[in-house]
């Protein structure tokens, strides 16, 4: 198991934006990767859903397949919530698809 930091930026077609940072754990079972993660960030509503507070927490579980060249395809389920920091806390559930690739594939060795 490898523990690493991450940063991310998510957006919607309603101009909502969420920037976050946190930790993730890569668990390798042969070529299968299981990656739970937890992060905290700032949410800007745009024209989207009111999540009740600008500080939002995200927990996620990702399941993927890692190829020999270290590229990975995966799907993930995540939940974003303000952990009751305000009276309004609708939360949101998200299903995502990812394509991960090593940075050195782009910038060279």
N, C-alpha and C. Protein backbone atom coordinates (compact mmCIF):
# COMPACT_ATOMS: atom_id res chain seq x y z
N UNK A 1 0.85 -1.18 0.00
CA UNK A 1 0.00 0.00 0.00
C UNK A 1 0.89 1.24 0.00
N UNK A 2 0.55 2.17 -0.88
CA UNK A 2 1.30 3.41 -0.99
C UNK A 2 0.38 4.57 -0.61
N UNK A 3 0.81 5.41 0.32
CA UNK A 3 0.04 6.60 0.72
C UNK A 3 0.66 7.80 0.04
N UNK A 4 -0.19 8.59 -0.65
CA UNK A 4 0.33 9.76 -1.36
C UNK A 4 -0.64 10.93 -1.23
N UNK A 5 -0.12 12.14 -1.35
CA UNK A 5 -1.01 13.31 -1.41
C UNK A 5 -1.57 13.46 -2.81
N UNK A 6 -2.69 14.16 -2.93
CA UNK A 6 -3.23 14.50 -4.25
C UNK A 6 -3.84 15.89 -4.21
N UNK A 7 -3.94 16.50 -5.39
CA UNK A 7 -4.70 17.73 -5.56
C UNK A 7 -5.61 17.51 -6.76
N UNK A 8 -6.74 18.22 -6.76
CA UNK A 8 -7.66 18.04 -7.86
C UNK A 8 -8.53 19.26 -8.08
N UNK A 9 -9.12 19.31 -9.25
CA UNK A 9 -10.05 20.36 -9.62
C UNK A 9 -11.18 19.70 -10.39
N UNK A 10 -12.40 19.93 -9.93
CA UNK A 10 -13.57 19.36 -10.58
C UNK A 10 -14.51 20.48 -10.97
N UNK A 11 -15.22 20.31 -12.07
CA UNK A 11 -16.17 21.31 -12.52
C UNK A 11 -17.39 20.67 -13.12
N UNK A 12 -18.46 21.46 -13.25
CA UNK A 12 -19.70 20.97 -13.84
C UNK A 12 -20.13 21.86 -14.98
N UNK A 13 -21.09 21.39 -15.75
CA UNK A 13 -21.63 22.20 -16.85
C UNK A 13 -22.44 23.39 -16.32
N UNK A 14 -22.78 23.40 -15.02
CA UNK A 14 -23.47 24.52 -14.38
C UNK A 14 -22.49 25.54 -13.80
N UNK A 15 -21.22 25.43 -14.19
CA UNK A 15 -20.15 26.34 -13.77
C UNK A 15 -19.80 26.24 -12.29
N UNK A 16 -20.21 25.17 -11.62
CA UNK A 16 -19.75 24.91 -10.26
C UNK A 16 -18.31 24.42 -10.35
N UNK A 17 -17.51 24.75 -9.35
CA UNK A 17 -16.10 24.34 -9.34
C UNK A 17 -15.71 23.92 -7.92
N UNK A 18 -14.88 22.89 -7.83
CA UNK A 18 -14.44 22.36 -6.54
C UNK A 18 -12.96 22.04 -6.64
N UNK A 19 -12.15 22.74 -5.87
CA UNK A 19 -10.72 22.47 -5.79
C UNK A 19 -10.41 21.82 -4.46
N UNK A 20 -9.64 20.75 -4.48
CA UNK A 20 -9.39 20.02 -3.24
C UNK A 20 -7.99 19.43 -3.19
N UNK A 21 -7.60 19.04 -2.00
CA UNK A 21 -6.37 18.31 -1.76
C UNK A 21 -6.61 17.30 -0.67
N UNK A 22 -5.81 16.24 -0.65
CA UNK A 22 -6.01 15.21 0.37
C UNK A 22 -4.98 14.11 0.24
N UNK A 23 -5.37 12.94 0.73
CA UNK A 23 -4.50 11.77 0.68
C UNK A 23 -5.24 10.62 -0.01
N UNK A 24 -4.46 9.76 -0.64
CA UNK A 24 -5.01 8.55 -1.25
C UNK A 24 -4.10 7.38 -0.92
N UNK A 25 -4.68 6.20 -1.01
CA UNK A 25 -3.96 4.96 -0.72
C UNK A 25 -4.11 4.05 -1.93
N UNK A 26 -3.01 3.75 -2.62
CA UNK A 26 -3.05 2.80 -3.73
C UNK A 26 -2.80 1.40 -3.18
N UNK A 27 -3.77 0.52 -3.38
CA UNK A 27 -3.65 -0.88 -2.97
C UNK A 27 -3.63 -1.71 -4.24
N UNK A 28 -2.48 -2.35 -4.52
CA UNK A 28 -2.32 -3.14 -5.74
C UNK A 28 -2.60 -4.61 -5.45
N UNK A 29 -3.49 -5.17 -6.24
CA UNK A 29 -3.77 -6.62 -6.21
C UNK A 29 -3.49 -7.14 -7.61
N UNK A 30 -2.20 -7.36 -7.90
CA UNK A 30 -1.80 -7.66 -9.27
C UNK A 30 -2.04 -6.40 -10.09
N UNK A 31 -2.69 -6.53 -11.25
CA UNK A 31 -2.96 -5.35 -12.07
C UNK A 31 -4.19 -4.55 -11.60
N UNK A 32 -4.93 -5.09 -10.65
CA UNK A 32 -6.12 -4.40 -10.13
C UNK A 32 -5.69 -3.42 -9.04
N UNK A 33 -6.19 -2.20 -9.15
CA UNK A 33 -5.86 -1.15 -8.17
C UNK A 33 -7.13 -0.72 -7.44
N UNK A 34 -7.05 -0.68 -6.12
CA UNK A 34 -8.11 -0.16 -5.28
C UNK A 34 -7.55 1.09 -4.62
N UNK A 35 -8.24 2.22 -4.77
CA UNK A 35 -7.71 3.48 -4.28
C UNK A 35 -8.77 4.24 -3.48
N UNK A 36 -8.78 4.09 -2.15
CA UNK A 36 -9.62 4.97 -1.34
C UNK A 36 -8.90 6.31 -1.15
N UNK A 37 -9.68 7.39 -1.04
CA UNK A 37 -9.08 8.70 -0.82
C UNK A 37 -10.01 9.57 0.01
N UNK A 38 -9.40 10.58 0.62
CA UNK A 38 -10.15 11.57 1.40
C UNK A 38 -9.52 12.93 1.17
N UNK A 39 -10.37 13.94 0.94
CA UNK A 39 -9.85 15.27 0.71
C UNK A 39 -10.79 16.34 1.22
N UNK A 40 -10.28 17.55 1.26
CA UNK A 40 -11.08 18.71 1.66
C UNK A 40 -10.75 19.84 0.70
N UNK A 41 -11.76 20.67 0.41
CA UNK A 41 -11.53 21.75 -0.52
C UNK A 41 -12.59 22.82 -0.46
N UNK A 42 -12.51 23.73 -1.43
CA UNK A 42 -13.44 24.85 -1.53
C UNK A 42 -14.35 24.67 -2.73
N UNK A 43 -15.63 24.93 -2.52
CA UNK A 43 -16.66 24.75 -3.54
C UNK A 43 -17.24 26.10 -3.93
N UNK A 44 -17.30 26.36 -5.23
CA UNK A 44 -17.96 27.54 -5.77
C UNK A 44 -19.18 27.09 -6.54
N UNK A 45 -20.34 27.55 -6.16
CA UNK A 45 -21.62 27.07 -6.69
C UNK A 45 -21.83 27.36 -8.17
N UNK A 46 -21.36 28.50 -8.65
CA UNK A 46 -21.68 28.89 -10.03
C UNK A 46 -23.19 28.98 -10.16
N UNK A 47 -23.74 28.30 -11.16
CA UNK A 47 -25.20 28.23 -11.32
C UNK A 47 -25.71 26.86 -10.88
N UNK A 48 -24.86 26.10 -10.17
CA UNK A 48 -25.19 24.74 -9.77
C UNK A 48 -25.84 24.63 -8.42
N UNK A 49 -25.74 23.45 -7.87
CA UNK A 49 -26.40 23.08 -6.62
C UNK A 49 -25.79 23.78 -5.41
N UNK A 50 -26.64 24.22 -4.50
CA UNK A 50 -26.20 24.82 -3.24
C UNK A 50 -25.84 23.69 -2.28
N UNK A 51 -24.56 23.55 -1.96
CA UNK A 51 -24.12 22.51 -1.04
C UNK A 51 -24.04 23.01 0.40
N UNK A 52 -24.41 24.27 0.64
CA UNK A 52 -24.58 24.76 2.00
C UNK A 52 -23.39 25.44 2.63
N UNK A 53 -22.19 25.25 2.12
CA UNK A 53 -21.00 25.81 2.76
C UNK A 53 -19.86 25.77 1.75
N UNK A 54 -18.95 26.72 1.78
CA UNK A 54 -17.85 26.67 0.80
C UNK A 54 -16.82 25.57 1.07
N UNK A 55 -16.67 25.13 2.32
CA UNK A 55 -15.74 24.04 2.64
C UNK A 55 -16.49 22.72 2.51
N UNK A 56 -15.97 21.84 1.66
CA UNK A 56 -16.60 20.54 1.42
C UNK A 56 -15.55 19.44 1.52
N UNK A 57 -15.98 18.28 2.01
CA UNK A 57 -15.12 17.11 2.18
C UNK A 57 -15.53 16.06 1.15
N UNK A 58 -14.53 15.37 0.60
CA UNK A 58 -14.82 14.32 -0.37
C UNK A 58 -14.17 13.01 0.05
N UNK A 59 -14.97 11.95 0.09
CA UNK A 59 -14.44 10.60 0.26
C UNK A 59 -14.73 9.85 -1.04
N UNK A 60 -13.78 9.00 -1.44
CA UNK A 60 -13.91 8.33 -2.73
C UNK A 60 -13.31 6.93 -2.67
N UNK A 61 -13.92 6.02 -3.42
CA UNK A 61 -13.37 4.68 -3.61
C UNK A 61 -13.27 4.44 -5.12
N UNK A 62 -12.06 4.14 -5.56
CA UNK A 62 -11.79 3.97 -6.99
C UNK A 62 -11.31 2.54 -7.24
N UNK A 63 -11.78 1.94 -8.32
CA UNK A 63 -11.38 0.59 -8.71
C UNK A 63 -10.88 0.65 -10.14
N UNK A 64 -9.65 0.17 -10.37
CA UNK A 64 -9.08 0.30 -11.70
C UNK A 64 -8.21 -0.87 -12.11
N UNK A 65 -7.78 -0.80 -13.36
CA UNK A 65 -6.86 -1.78 -13.93
C UNK A 65 -5.60 -1.04 -14.40
N UNK A 66 -4.43 -1.50 -13.93
CA UNK A 66 -3.15 -0.88 -14.29
C UNK A 66 -2.46 -1.72 -15.36
N UNK A 67 -2.12 -1.07 -16.47
CA UNK A 67 -1.43 -1.74 -17.57
C UNK A 67 0.07 -1.79 -17.30
N UNK A 68 0.80 -2.58 -18.09
CA UNK A 68 2.24 -2.72 -17.90
C UNK A 68 2.98 -1.40 -18.06
N UNK A 69 2.46 -0.47 -18.87
CA UNK A 69 3.11 0.83 -19.05
C UNK A 69 2.72 1.83 -17.96
N UNK A 70 2.05 1.36 -16.92
CA UNK A 70 1.62 2.13 -15.75
C UNK A 70 0.40 3.01 -16.00
N UNK A 71 -0.16 3.01 -17.21
CA UNK A 71 -1.44 3.69 -17.42
C UNK A 71 -2.51 2.90 -16.67
N UNK A 72 -3.59 3.61 -16.32
CA UNK A 72 -4.63 2.97 -15.55
C UNK A 72 -6.00 3.50 -15.99
N UNK A 73 -6.98 2.61 -16.10
CA UNK A 73 -8.37 3.02 -16.31
C UNK A 73 -9.14 2.60 -15.07
N UNK A 74 -10.07 3.45 -14.65
CA UNK A 74 -10.79 3.14 -13.43
C UNK A 74 -12.14 3.82 -13.39
N UNK A 75 -12.97 3.35 -12.48
CA UNK A 75 -14.24 3.98 -12.15
C UNK A 75 -14.22 4.27 -10.66
N UNK A 76 -14.97 5.30 -10.24
CA UNK A 76 -14.96 5.68 -8.84
C UNK A 76 -16.34 6.15 -8.39
N UNK A 77 -16.61 5.94 -7.11
CA UNK A 77 -17.79 6.48 -6.45
C UNK A 77 -17.27 7.45 -5.38
N UNK A 78 -17.83 8.65 -5.36
CA UNK A 78 -17.42 9.60 -4.32
C UNK A 78 -18.63 10.31 -3.73
N UNK A 79 -18.44 10.83 -2.53
CA UNK A 79 -19.46 11.60 -1.84
C UNK A 79 -18.83 12.90 -1.36
N UNK A 80 -19.49 14.02 -1.66
CA UNK A 80 -19.03 15.33 -1.21
C UNK A 80 -20.07 15.88 -0.24
N UNK A 81 -19.60 16.37 0.90
CA UNK A 81 -20.48 16.88 1.95
C UNK A 81 -19.73 17.92 2.77
N UNK A 82 -20.49 18.82 3.42
CA UNK A 82 -19.83 19.80 4.28
C UNK A 82 -19.75 19.33 5.74
N UNK A 83 -20.08 18.07 6.00
CA UNK A 83 -19.97 17.47 7.34
C UNK A 83 -20.74 18.27 8.39
N UNK A 84 -21.89 18.81 7.99
CA UNK A 84 -22.76 19.57 8.89
C UNK A 84 -22.11 20.84 9.43
N UNK A 85 -21.25 21.47 8.64
CA UNK A 85 -20.70 22.76 9.03
C UNK A 85 -21.75 23.87 8.90
N UNK A 86 -22.85 23.57 8.23
CA UNK A 86 -23.97 24.51 8.14
C UNK A 86 -25.27 23.74 8.28
N UNK A 87 -26.36 24.46 8.42
CA UNK A 87 -27.66 23.80 8.54
C UNK A 87 -28.06 23.10 7.25
N UNK A 88 -27.59 23.61 6.12
CA UNK A 88 -27.86 22.99 4.83
C UNK A 88 -26.69 22.08 4.46
N UNK A 89 -26.97 20.79 4.29
CA UNK A 89 -25.92 19.82 3.96
C UNK A 89 -26.51 18.72 3.07
N UNK A 90 -26.87 19.06 1.81
CA UNK A 90 -27.49 18.04 0.97
C UNK A 90 -26.51 16.97 0.51
N UNK A 91 -25.24 17.30 0.43
CA UNK A 91 -24.25 16.36 -0.10
C UNK A 91 -24.53 16.03 -1.55
N UNK A 92 -23.60 15.37 -2.17
CA UNK A 92 -23.76 14.95 -3.56
C UNK A 92 -22.95 13.68 -3.78
N UNK A 93 -23.52 12.75 -4.55
CA UNK A 93 -22.84 11.50 -4.89
C UNK A 93 -22.45 11.55 -6.35
N UNK A 94 -21.25 11.04 -6.67
CA UNK A 94 -20.71 11.16 -8.02
C UNK A 94 -20.13 9.82 -8.46
N UNK A 95 -20.41 9.44 -9.70
CA UNK A 95 -19.75 8.30 -10.35
C UNK A 95 -18.83 8.89 -11.41
N UNK A 96 -17.56 8.49 -11.41
CA UNK A 96 -16.57 9.05 -12.33
C UNK A 96 -15.83 7.94 -13.06
N UNK A 97 -15.29 8.28 -14.23
CA UNK A 97 -14.38 7.41 -14.97
C UNK A 97 -13.06 8.15 -15.11
N UNK A 98 -11.95 7.45 -14.96
CA UNK A 98 -10.63 8.07 -15.01
C UNK A 98 -9.72 7.34 -15.99
N UNK A 99 -8.82 8.11 -16.57
CA UNK A 99 -7.68 7.58 -17.32
C UNK A 99 -6.45 8.21 -16.69
N UNK A 100 -5.66 7.41 -16.01
CA UNK A 100 -4.43 7.90 -15.38
C UNK A 100 -3.25 7.53 -16.28
N UNK A 101 -2.28 8.42 -16.34
CA UNK A 101 -1.07 8.11 -17.10
C UNK A 101 0.12 8.75 -16.40
N UNK A 102 1.28 8.07 -16.47
CA UNK A 102 2.48 8.62 -15.85
C UNK A 102 2.89 9.93 -16.54
N UNK A 103 3.29 10.90 -15.78
CA UNK A 103 3.71 12.19 -16.32
C UNK A 103 4.87 12.03 -17.28
N UNK A 104 5.78 11.10 -17.01
CA UNK A 104 6.94 10.96 -17.90
C UNK A 104 6.55 10.44 -19.29
N UNK A 105 5.32 9.98 -19.49
CA UNK A 105 4.87 9.63 -20.84
C UNK A 105 4.70 10.88 -21.69
N UNK A 106 4.47 12.02 -21.04
CA UNK A 106 4.27 13.28 -21.76
C UNK A 106 5.58 14.06 -21.86
N UNK A 107 6.31 14.16 -20.74
CA UNK A 107 7.50 15.01 -20.73
C UNK A 107 8.77 14.24 -21.05
N UNK A 108 8.68 12.93 -21.17
CA UNK A 108 9.88 12.12 -21.48
C UNK A 108 10.62 11.72 -20.22
N UNK A 109 11.58 10.84 -20.38
CA UNK A 109 12.34 10.34 -19.22
C UNK A 109 13.43 11.29 -18.85
